[in-house]
Structure formats: structure tokens, C-alpha cells
Amino acid sequence: MTATTTPTAPTQVQRWAQAPTDLATAWIKGWTGYSTAALTSGTFTPMHMLSDWAAWTQAATKRTKPDWATPHTVVRTWPQVRLLDFSTPDADATQVPIVFLPPQGGHASTIVDYSADQSQVRTALAAGVDRVYSVDYLPATEATANITVEDYISILDEIVAEVGAEVGGAVHLVGDCQGGWLAAIYAALRPHAVRSLALGGAPIDTHAGDSAVSEWMSALTRHGDIDAYRALVAAGGGKHLGANQVLGFKMLEPTEEFNRLCQLWGSIRDPEYVERYDSFANWFEHGQDMPGAFYLWVVEHLFFKNQLIAGELVVEGTVVDLSAIEAPLYLIAGERDHITPPAQMFALAGAVSTPADDVRTWTLDAGHLGLFMGHAALSGPWTEIFEDLARRNRETAVAAIESSEA
């Protein structure tokens, strides 16, 4: 389904202006939830409250590194990334594989395999795609602080050559958020290597729609340069620190962190809720450093100058022409996505040469992360997409057999 209109999201000024009210509301809801649970159980005593406070403190502060939910093997490792293989043991080597490009935005790549019941990887396997791989971005080091977008394109070339060898060097690319624009760039540069392109919440036209990211970009580049971002990277020793990126996301929604903590207090006696809170906090709070040179390239060319949709982006000495993309296209956007509003995502549909009947779009009642890990997105459009890719694989296999027998 495709929505024709989307609600106007609050601006950053409006979000900060209503922060006092939102904070008070969150505090009241948290204590109301806690009091209701305590009174219902008949254990509303100082000792019980002290025990609950200790449990809340531990849940709110104790963090562990996020991990992948699905068994896998490491196919290959580069200084910048690893390639993980989630394929079924009896996977047909002639099946065109899926390669996930997770967001590279200061968090771990595990968002595409967040948990046993919130996993794009598992959704693809359940839909009948037996060959499933994912890029796993590694934290930046001094040795990788100066890598470029060309380095990532080169790595993708090697990935496609390795996992797509049996099918003529081709893959189905799935890109989430920043992995989406990287997938689009690769598909434009190597159209022969991409059998289909599925993107969720990917900023293609970064100046379209009402975006909190664009508001901050406008404020920090009001002098006509990205010096503020350069200073940030310099302060990080040539890296864009993951901790800074996490802080930046929190500033986009100034009361959300306090709201989550209040909800945790209101549900501290619910073990399942606490477990879900821990899982999300472990992922969200685990900042991952990004290569500074690459980060600044993204800021300047994609977000500040918006060169990808304008047809002015140069990679490998070549202008990235989105019209070179002719592969089937699947696009998922969220009505409540304040990071990548739908207009930024759907701009790609008008820029490619994919036939109209091979372009499918969905607009969900979801925020940004809900597009990758939300139950509605996984059980709805992502299942449909992966089932369609499995169907395409079967049709390709049948055609190949018939051709060989002819």
C-alpha cells in the first residue's frame, strides 16, 4: 500500500518547546504504572520499593554489547567490515543470495537481526530465501579512520563476486537507512550485479520532506560549510565517535530517553518488559565509531549538497546515475519517521529506469527503527518482499534448467 499524504512531524523547535510537558507526562505515567502494579499485587511497602529501585537502576545502567540473534558463520573479514553467512545448511548455490547492508550510523549492524522474533534475516529465511548474508560494519580504528566510499564499493565488488559466483555475479541487495543509499549507489554503478533493490527508510533525496536531521544540518551549516562536523571528527581523533552519534539521536527526540526510563519504572515488575528494555538499550546505547573521512564525505555530499538525487555525485571518478538502475525496486517508508520522511525514500522511484509495474512501495504507521525491526514491517512488507524474491529465484532456476535442456 502507498499513502498519498503523510502527517507533518513536529519541528525540532516544537519538540524542544513541548519538552517540559512531555517530561511531566512521562513522569506521571511512570509512577501511575508502578503504583497500579504495586497496589494490585499488595506489595507497596518501602522494602519492596527499595528492591524495585535497585532493579530499575540495574536495568537502566547495566549495558552489554549487542549480538546477532541467528546462528551464522563469518565468511570473510576486512579491516572495515565482516561478511556473515546465515544461509540454510542445504542452500542451493544457484539461488541468487540476499545481502543486507545495515545502517552505518553509529550503532551495531545487529539491527537487521535484532532478536528471534524481530529479525529481517529470519524473515527472509522463513520466506524461502535460503542464501542470506549480511555486512557487519566494524568499529573504526586509527588504521581505518581515512577509508572512503570507494573502499566500501570495492568490498561490495568482492562480496558479490564471492557469494554470487554461481549466478553470474549478482545479488539481491537490501539496504536499511544509510545502508540504503549505499545500496542505491552500488546498484547505479554496477546495475548488472544487482537483481533487485529493497530499501527501508533510506535517505535518497535528503532535502525532501520534514526531517529532524535536515533541521540540524541547516543549523550547523548556516555559514555555508561543514566546519562544525569537521571539528567534531577532529575532536574524535579522526573518527566520528559512536557516543556522539547516540547523543545526536537523543537530541532529535529530547524527551524520549526520559520517557523510556519512566516506562521502565512503571513496568519494573514485568520481567518480559524489562528484558525487552534491556535488549533495545543494549543496541541503542552501544555507540560504534565511524571512519571520520567517510562520515564527512556522507555529510558533505549526501546531506549538505544532496548530490545523489541531483545527479552530481561522483564515485570512482564516475557520476552516479540512478537512472542506470533497472532492477525490481521495493521501498518502505514510515509516516512517523522523523529521520527519513517518506519523500526522501520515494524520490528514488522517480529517478530509476525500473518499469513501473516492478516498483512497489509501502508507507507504514511506523517510526524509523520500526521499518527494520517492527512486527508490522516484518510480517507485512518485508515478508512480501522476501517471498517475491524467493519466487523470482525459483523462476530463474526453472528458466536455467529449461535453457540447458533445450
Protein backbone atom coordinates (compact mmCIF):
# COMPACT_ATOMS: atom_id res chain seq x y z
CA MET A 1 0.00 0.00 0.00
CA THR A 2 1.12 3.54 -0.65
CA ALA A 3 -0.07 6.57 1.25
CA THR A 4 -0.55 9.74 -0.77
CA THR A 5 -0.10 12.10 2.17
CA THR A 6 1.79 11.95 5.43
CA PRO A 7 1.24 13.93 8.62
CA THR A 8 3.54 16.85 9.31
CA ALA A 9 6.04 15.94 12.01
CA PRO A 10 6.82 18.43 14.79
CA THR A 11 9.87 20.56 14.10
CA GLN A 12 12.89 20.41 16.38
CA VAL A 13 11.92 23.75 17.89
CA GLN A 14 8.44 22.41 18.61
CA ARG A 15 9.85 19.21 20.11
CA TRP A 16 12.06 21.16 22.49
CA ALA A 17 9.29 23.66 23.31
CA GLN A 18 6.91 20.90 24.37
CA ALA A 19 9.64 19.03 26.29
CA PRO A 20 8.55 20.23 29.78
CA THR A 21 5.02 18.97 29.21
CA ASP A 22 6.27 15.68 27.76
CA LEU A 23 8.63 15.17 30.71
CA ALA A 24 5.86 15.77 33.23
CA THR A 25 3.52 13.42 31.37
CA ALA A 26 6.15 10.69 31.23
CA TRP A 27 6.88 11.03 34.96
CA ILE A 28 3.20 10.82 35.88
CA LYS A 29 2.61 7.80 33.63
CA GLY A 30 5.66 6.03 35.05
CA TRP A 31 4.58 6.47 38.66
CA THR A 32 0.97 5.65 37.83
CA GLY A 33 2.02 2.42 36.20
CA TYR A 34 4.29 1.49 39.08
CA SER A 35 1.72 2.36 41.75
CA THR A 36 -1.01 0.41 39.98
CA ALA A 37 1.16 -2.69 39.71
CA ALA A 38 2.31 -2.42 43.33
CA LEU A 39 -1.17 -1.88 44.74
CA THR A 40 -2.63 -4.68 42.65
CA SER A 41 -0.03 -7.11 43.96
CA GLY A 42 -0.42 -5.88 47.55
CA THR A 43 3.31 -5.26 47.92
CA PHE A 44 3.53 -1.48 48.15
CA THR A 45 5.98 -1.26 51.05
CA PRO A 46 9.27 0.66 51.48
CA MET A 47 11.26 -2.57 51.26
CA HIS A 48 9.53 -3.60 48.05
CA MET A 49 10.05 -0.14 46.61
CA LEU A 50 13.74 -0.25 47.51
CA SER A 51 14.06 -3.62 45.79
CA ASP A 52 12.27 -2.28 42.72
CA TRP A 53 14.53 0.78 42.70
CA ALA A 54 17.62 -1.44 42.73
CA ALA A 55 16.21 -3.48 39.84
CA TRP A 56 15.40 -0.29 37.92
CA THR A 57 18.88 1.11 38.49
CA GLN A 58 20.50 -2.05 37.20
CA ALA A 59 18.25 -2.22 34.13
CA ALA A 60 18.78 1.47 33.40
CA THR A 61 22.56 1.43 33.65
CA LYS A 62 23.97 -2.05 33.01
CA ARG A 63 24.75 -2.48 29.32
CA THR A 64 26.20 -5.35 27.31
CA LYS A 65 27.37 -5.48 23.71
CA PRO A 66 24.54 -6.33 21.28
CA ASP A 67 24.85 -9.63 19.45
CA TRP A 68 23.33 -11.35 16.45
CA ALA A 69 20.23 -13.43 17.17
CA THR A 70 20.63 -16.01 14.40
CA PRO A 71 23.45 -18.59 14.05
CA HIS A 72 25.93 -17.67 11.33
CA THR A 73 29.45 -18.09 10.09
CA VAL A 74 31.99 -15.41 9.25
CA VAL A 75 32.78 -15.73 5.56
CA ARG A 76 35.44 -13.09 5.35
CA THR A 77 36.83 -10.12 7.25
CA TRP A 78 38.19 -6.81 6.00
CA PRO A 79 39.56 -4.03 8.22
CA GLN A 80 36.25 -2.17 7.84
CA VAL A 81 33.62 -4.94 7.74
CA ARG A 82 32.87 -8.62 8.11
CA LEU A 83 30.63 -10.70 5.87
CA LEU A 84 28.27 -13.01 7.78
CA ASP A 85 26.53 -16.05 6.31
CA PHE A 86 23.08 -17.01 7.68
CA SER A 87 22.22 -19.43 4.86
CA THR A 88 20.45 -22.72 5.49
CA PRO A 89 22.75 -25.78 5.53
CA ASP A 90 21.27 -27.20 2.32
CA ALA A 91 21.02 -23.90 0.45
CA ASP A 92 21.09 -24.18 -3.34
CA ALA A 93 24.28 -22.47 -4.56
CA THR A 94 22.49 -21.43 -7.76
CA GLN A 95 19.99 -19.32 -5.81
CA VAL A 96 20.60 -15.58 -6.01
CA PRO A 97 21.58 -14.56 -2.46
CA ILE A 98 20.33 -11.66 -0.38
CA VAL A 99 22.98 -9.34 1.01
CA PHE A 100 21.90 -6.99 3.79
CA LEU A 101 23.52 -3.57 4.13
CA PRO A 102 22.58 -2.45 7.65
CA PRO A 103 22.60 1.19 8.70
CA GLN A 104 26.06 2.57 9.41
CA GLY A 105 25.02 5.32 11.78
CA GLY A 106 26.94 4.89 15.00
CA HIS A 107 25.25 1.64 16.10
CA ALA A 108 25.91 -2.07 15.69
CA SER A 109 24.77 -3.77 12.49
CA THR A 110 22.72 -6.26 14.52
CA ILE A 111 19.53 -4.24 13.97
CA VAL A 112 18.82 -6.45 10.92
CA ASP A 113 18.86 -9.49 13.24
CA TYR A 114 17.72 -7.80 16.42
CA SER A 115 16.03 -10.74 18.17
CA ALA A 116 14.50 -14.12 17.46
CA ASP A 117 11.10 -12.57 16.65
CA GLN A 118 12.32 -9.23 15.27
CA SER A 119 14.74 -10.12 12.52
CA GLN A 120 14.89 -9.26 8.84
CA VAL A 121 17.36 -12.10 8.47
CA ARG A 122 14.95 -14.68 9.91
CA THR A 123 12.06 -13.19 7.96
CA ALA A 124 14.00 -13.73 4.73
CA LEU A 125 14.84 -17.32 5.65
CA ALA A 126 11.23 -18.05 6.63
CA ALA A 127 10.04 -16.64 3.30
CA GLY A 128 12.10 -19.18 1.37
CA VAL A 129 15.30 -17.31 0.57
CA ASP A 130 17.90 -19.85 1.68
CA ARG A 131 21.06 -17.87 0.89
CA VAL A 132 21.21 -14.89 3.23
CA TYR A 133 24.25 -12.76 4.04
CA SER A 134 24.84 -9.52 5.91
CA VAL A 135 27.59 -6.96 6.09
CA ASP A 136 28.72 -6.30 9.67
CA TYR A 137 30.40 -2.91 9.97
CA LEU A 138 33.35 -2.89 12.35
CA PRO A 139 34.23 -0.03 14.70
CA ALA A 140 36.62 2.48 13.17
CA THR A 141 40.24 2.42 14.27
CA GLU A 142 43.18 4.70 13.58
CA ALA A 143 44.02 2.43 10.66
CA THR A 144 40.54 2.74 9.10
CA ALA A 145 39.72 6.34 10.00
CA ASN A 146 40.54 7.56 6.48
CA ILE A 147 38.70 4.99 4.35
CA THR A 148 36.42 6.25 1.60
CA VAL A 149 33.17 5.31 -0.09
CA GLU A 150 35.28 3.76 -2.85
CA ASP A 151 36.65 1.32 -0.27
CA TYR A 152 33.13 0.15 0.50
CA ILE A 153 32.28 -0.17 -3.20
CA SER A 154 35.42 -2.28 -3.67
CA ILE A 155 34.41 -4.53 -0.77
CA LEU A 156 30.93 -4.94 -2.22
CA ASP A 157 32.52 -5.97 -5.51
CA GLU A 158 34.40 -8.71 -3.69
CA ILE A 159 31.29 -9.80 -1.80
CA VAL A 160 29.21 -10.03 -4.97
CA ALA A 161 31.96 -11.92 -6.78
CA GLU A 162 32.20 -14.42 -3.92
CA VAL A 163 28.59 -15.11 -2.92
CA GLY A 164 27.11 -14.51 -6.37
CA ALA A 165 29.65 -16.55 -8.32
CA GLU A 166 27.19 -19.34 -9.19
CA VAL A 167 24.63 -16.90 -10.60
CA GLY A 168 26.87 -14.79 -12.78
CA GLY A 169 28.00 -12.38 -10.07
CA ALA A 170 24.69 -11.00 -8.85
CA VAL A 171 22.81 -10.47 -5.57
CA HIS A 172 19.58 -9.10 -4.16
CA LEU A 173 20.59 -6.00 -2.17
CA VAL A 174 18.63 -4.98 0.95
CA GLY A 175 19.61 -1.63 2.44
CA ASP A 176 18.31 -0.03 5.63
CA CYS A 177 18.70 3.71 6.22
CA GLN A 178 22.30 4.62 5.37
CA GLY A 179 22.82 1.13 4.03
CA GLY A 180 20.04 2.05 1.59
CA TRP A 181 21.83 4.92 -0.12
CA LEU A 182 24.99 2.79 -0.30
CA ALA A 183 22.94 0.02 -1.96
CA ALA A 184 21.45 2.54 -4.40
CA ILE A 185 24.87 3.92 -5.29
CA TYR A 186 26.21 0.42 -5.85
CA ALA A 187 23.20 -0.57 -7.97
CA ALA A 188 23.71 2.53 -10.12
CA LEU A 189 27.41 1.84 -10.58
CA ARG A 190 27.00 -1.94 -11.04
CA PRO A 191 23.48 -2.46 -12.43
CA HIS A 192 24.43 -5.89 -13.82
CA ALA A 193 25.28 -7.10 -10.30
CA VAL A 194 22.02 -6.19 -8.56
CA ARG A 195 18.99 -8.37 -9.37
CA SER A 196 16.71 -6.38 -7.06
CA LEU A 197 16.92 -3.46 -4.66
CA ALA A 198 14.90 -3.33 -1.43
CA LEU A 199 15.28 -0.26 0.78
CA GLY A 200 13.82 0.78 4.10
CA GLY A 201 13.96 4.35 5.41
CA ALA A 202 16.85 5.26 3.10
CA PRO A 203 17.65 8.98 2.61
CA ILE A 204 17.93 9.39 -1.17
CA ASP A 205 16.70 12.98 -1.51
CA THR A 206 17.94 14.33 1.81
CA HIS A 207 16.36 17.77 1.31
CA ALA A 208 12.81 16.44 0.83
CA GLY A 209 10.12 16.28 3.49
CA ASP A 210 10.24 17.38 7.12
CA SER A 211 13.32 15.80 8.66
CA ALA A 212 14.84 16.44 12.07
CA VAL A 213 18.23 15.57 10.58
CA SER A 214 17.78 18.25 7.91
CA GLU A 215 16.88 20.82 10.56
CA TRP A 216 20.10 20.15 12.46
CA MET A 217 22.05 20.14 9.19
CA SER A 218 20.66 23.56 8.30
CA ALA A 219 21.56 24.94 11.72
CA LEU A 220 25.11 23.55 11.70
CA THR A 221 25.86 24.60 8.12
CA ARG A 222 24.31 28.07 8.24
CA HIS A 223 27.68 29.59 7.30
CA GLY A 224 27.79 27.55 4.10
CA ASP A 225 30.27 24.88 5.18
CA ILE A 226 30.52 21.70 7.26
CA ASP A 227 33.21 23.02 9.60
CA ALA A 228 31.15 22.10 12.66
CA TYR A 229 31.21 18.45 11.57
CA ARG A 230 34.92 18.63 10.79
CA ALA A 231 35.55 19.90 14.31
CA LEU A 232 33.53 17.01 15.70
CA VAL A 233 35.65 14.48 13.82
CA ALA A 234 38.88 16.25 14.78
CA ALA A 235 37.84 16.07 18.44
CA GLY A 236 37.37 12.33 17.96
CA GLY A 237 40.91 11.86 16.73
CA GLY A 238 39.87 11.44 13.11
CA LYS A 239 36.85 9.27 13.92
CA HIS A 240 33.19 10.11 14.31
CA LEU A 241 32.61 8.76 17.79
CA GLY A 242 29.64 6.49 18.25
CA ALA A 243 28.89 8.16 21.57
CA ASN A 244 28.44 11.47 19.76
CA GLN A 245 26.10 9.88 17.24
CA VAL A 246 23.98 8.34 20.02
CA LEU A 247 23.82 11.73 21.72
CA GLY A 248 22.77 13.28 18.42
CA PHE A 249 19.89 10.83 18.05
CA LYS A 250 18.77 11.61 21.59
CA MET A 251 18.76 15.33 20.82
CA LEU A 252 16.40 14.69 17.90
CA GLU A 253 13.84 13.46 20.44
CA PRO A 254 14.73 15.40 23.59
CA THR A 255 12.33 13.64 25.97
CA GLU A 256 12.40 10.11 24.58
CA GLU A 257 15.20 8.86 26.84
CA PHE A 258 13.41 10.13 29.96
CA ASN A 259 10.17 8.64 28.68
CA ARG A 260 11.79 5.22 28.24
CA LEU A 261 13.18 5.35 31.77
CA CYS A 262 9.78 6.30 33.19
CA GLN A 263 8.14 3.47 31.27
CA LEU A 264 10.77 1.13 32.67
CA TRP A 265 9.91 2.23 36.21
CA GLY A 266 6.22 1.77 35.54
CA SER A 267 6.84 -1.78 34.30
CA ILE A 268 9.76 -2.79 36.51
CA ARG A 269 7.76 -5.72 37.93
CA ASP A 270 7.16 -7.12 34.44
CA PRO A 271 10.18 -9.34 33.60
CA GLU A 272 9.30 -9.53 29.91
CA TYR A 273 9.14 -5.75 29.62
CA VAL A 274 12.46 -5.36 31.42
CA GLU A 275 14.03 -7.91 29.07
CA ARG A 276 12.75 -6.00 26.03
CA TYR A 277 14.05 -2.75 27.51
CA ASP A 278 17.49 -4.27 28.09
CA SER A 279 17.66 -5.60 24.53
CA PHE A 280 16.85 -2.24 22.99
CA ALA A 281 19.07 -0.24 25.35
CA ASN A 282 21.98 -2.59 24.72
CA TRP A 283 21.70 -1.89 20.99
CA PHE A 284 20.85 1.83 21.14
CA GLU A 285 23.38 2.84 23.80
CA HIS A 286 26.23 0.87 22.24
CA GLY A 287 27.82 3.57 20.13
CA GLN A 288 30.12 2.40 17.36
CA ASP A 289 32.82 4.71 15.99
CA MET A 290 32.70 5.51 12.28
CA PRO A 291 35.59 6.36 9.94
CA GLY A 292 35.91 10.15 10.08
CA ALA A 293 36.77 10.69 6.42
CA PHE A 294 33.82 8.59 5.28
CA TYR A 295 31.46 10.30 7.70
CA LEU A 296 32.47 13.75 6.46
CA TRP A 297 32.04 12.62 2.86
CA VAL A 298 28.50 11.49 3.67
CA VAL A 299 27.70 14.74 5.45
CA GLU A 300 29.04 16.95 2.66
CA HIS A 301 27.96 15.16 -0.48
CA LEU A 302 24.75 13.40 0.53
CA PHE A 303 23.20 15.55 3.26
CA PHE A 304 24.63 19.05 2.76
CA LYS A 305 24.84 19.17 -1.06
CA ASN A 306 22.23 16.44 -1.75
CA GLN A 307 24.22 15.32 -4.78
CA LEU A 308 22.85 11.78 -5.15
CA ILE A 309 19.33 12.71 -6.26
CA ALA A 310 20.69 15.76 -8.14
CA GLY A 311 22.81 13.50 -10.35
CA GLU A 312 26.00 15.26 -9.29
CA LEU A 313 27.58 12.65 -7.01
CA VAL A 314 30.93 11.35 -8.20
CA VAL A 315 32.23 7.97 -7.02
CA GLU A 316 35.22 6.19 -8.58
CA GLY A 317 35.55 9.17 -10.93
CA THR A 318 32.08 8.44 -12.34
CA VAL A 319 28.83 10.34 -11.89
CA VAL A 320 26.35 8.11 -10.06
CA ASP A 321 23.39 7.90 -12.44
CA LEU A 322 20.36 6.47 -10.65
CA SER A 323 18.61 6.02 -13.99
CA ALA A 324 21.04 3.16 -14.67
CA ILE A 325 19.02 1.09 -12.17
CA GLU A 326 16.52 -1.15 -13.95
CA ALA A 327 16.14 -3.86 -11.31
CA PRO A 328 12.90 -4.52 -9.38
CA LEU A 329 12.54 -1.92 -6.65
CA TYR A 330 10.94 -2.27 -3.21
CA LEU A 331 10.65 0.81 -0.97
CA ILE A 332 9.36 1.01 2.61
CA ALA A 333 8.82 4.30 4.44
CA GLY A 334 7.27 5.30 7.77
CA GLU A 335 4.66 8.00 8.34
CA ARG A 336 6.23 8.82 11.72
CA ASP A 337 9.84 8.58 10.55
CA HIS A 338 11.47 11.83 11.68
CA ILE A 339 14.90 10.63 10.49
CA THR A 340 13.97 9.78 6.89
CA PRO A 341 10.50 11.03 5.93
CA PRO A 342 8.76 9.15 3.09
CA ALA A 343 9.52 11.84 0.49
CA GLN A 344 13.25 11.19 0.92
CA MET A 345 12.78 7.48 0.32
CA PHE A 346 10.28 7.57 -2.53
CA ALA A 347 12.34 10.06 -4.54
CA LEU A 348 14.26 7.04 -5.81
CA ALA A 349 11.20 5.68 -7.64
CA GLY A 350 11.17 8.70 -9.93
CA ALA A 351 14.89 8.56 -10.62
CA VAL A 352 15.37 4.93 -11.71
CA SER A 353 14.54 3.22 -15.02
CA THR A 354 12.80 0.26 -13.39
CA PRO A 355 9.45 -0.45 -15.12
CA ALA A 356 6.52 0.96 -13.15
CA ASP A 357 5.00 -2.47 -12.53
CA ASP A 358 8.27 -3.57 -10.92
CA VAL A 359 8.29 -0.74 -8.36
CA ARG A 360 6.47 -1.48 -5.11
CA THR A 361 6.11 0.97 -2.23
CA TRP A 362 4.72 0.81 1.29
CA THR A 363 4.05 3.58 3.78
CA LEU A 364 3.62 2.22 7.31
CA ASP A 365 2.36 3.76 10.52
CA ALA A 366 5.85 3.46 11.94
CA GLY A 367 8.89 5.41 13.06
CA HIS A 368 12.40 4.94 11.72
CA LEU A 369 13.53 1.84 13.60
CA GLY A 370 10.12 0.25 13.20
CA LEU A 371 10.86 -0.11 9.49
CA PHE A 372 13.65 -2.59 10.25
CA MET A 373 12.59 -4.35 13.44
CA GLY A 374 8.86 -3.62 13.90
CA HIS A 375 6.45 -6.56 13.83
CA ALA A 376 4.15 -4.80 11.35
CA ALA A 377 7.01 -4.18 8.90
CA LEU A 378 8.43 -7.69 9.24
CA SER A 379 5.14 -9.57 8.95
CA GLY A 380 3.86 -7.23 6.21
CA PRO A 381 6.07 -5.70 3.51
CA TRP A 382 9.33 -7.46 4.35
CA THR A 383 7.63 -10.86 4.21
CA GLU A 384 6.04 -9.91 0.89
CA ILE A 385 9.37 -8.71 -0.48
CA PHE A 386 11.30 -11.80 0.54
CA GLU A 387 8.57 -14.12 -0.75
CA ASP A 388 8.71 -12.27 -4.06
CA LEU A 389 12.49 -12.65 -4.18
CA ALA A 390 12.13 -16.37 -3.45
CA ARG A 391 9.62 -16.60 -6.31
CA ARG A 392 12.00 -14.79 -8.65
CA ASN A 393 14.76 -17.19 -7.66
CA ARG A 394 12.57 -20.19 -8.44
CA GLU A 395 11.57 -18.77 -11.82
CA THR A 396 15.21 -18.07 -12.66
CA ALA A 397 16.20 -21.60 -11.70
CA VAL A 398 13.43 -23.12 -13.84
CA ALA A 399 14.42 -20.94 -16.78
CA ALA A 400 18.04 -22.01 -16.41
CA ILE A 401 17.06 -25.70 -16.39
CA GLU A 402 14.85 -25.31 -19.44
CA SER A 403 17.62 -23.43 -21.25
CA SER A 404 20.16 -26.17 -20.53
CA GLU A 405 17.76 -28.88 -21.73
CA ALA A 406 16.89 -27.06 -24.92
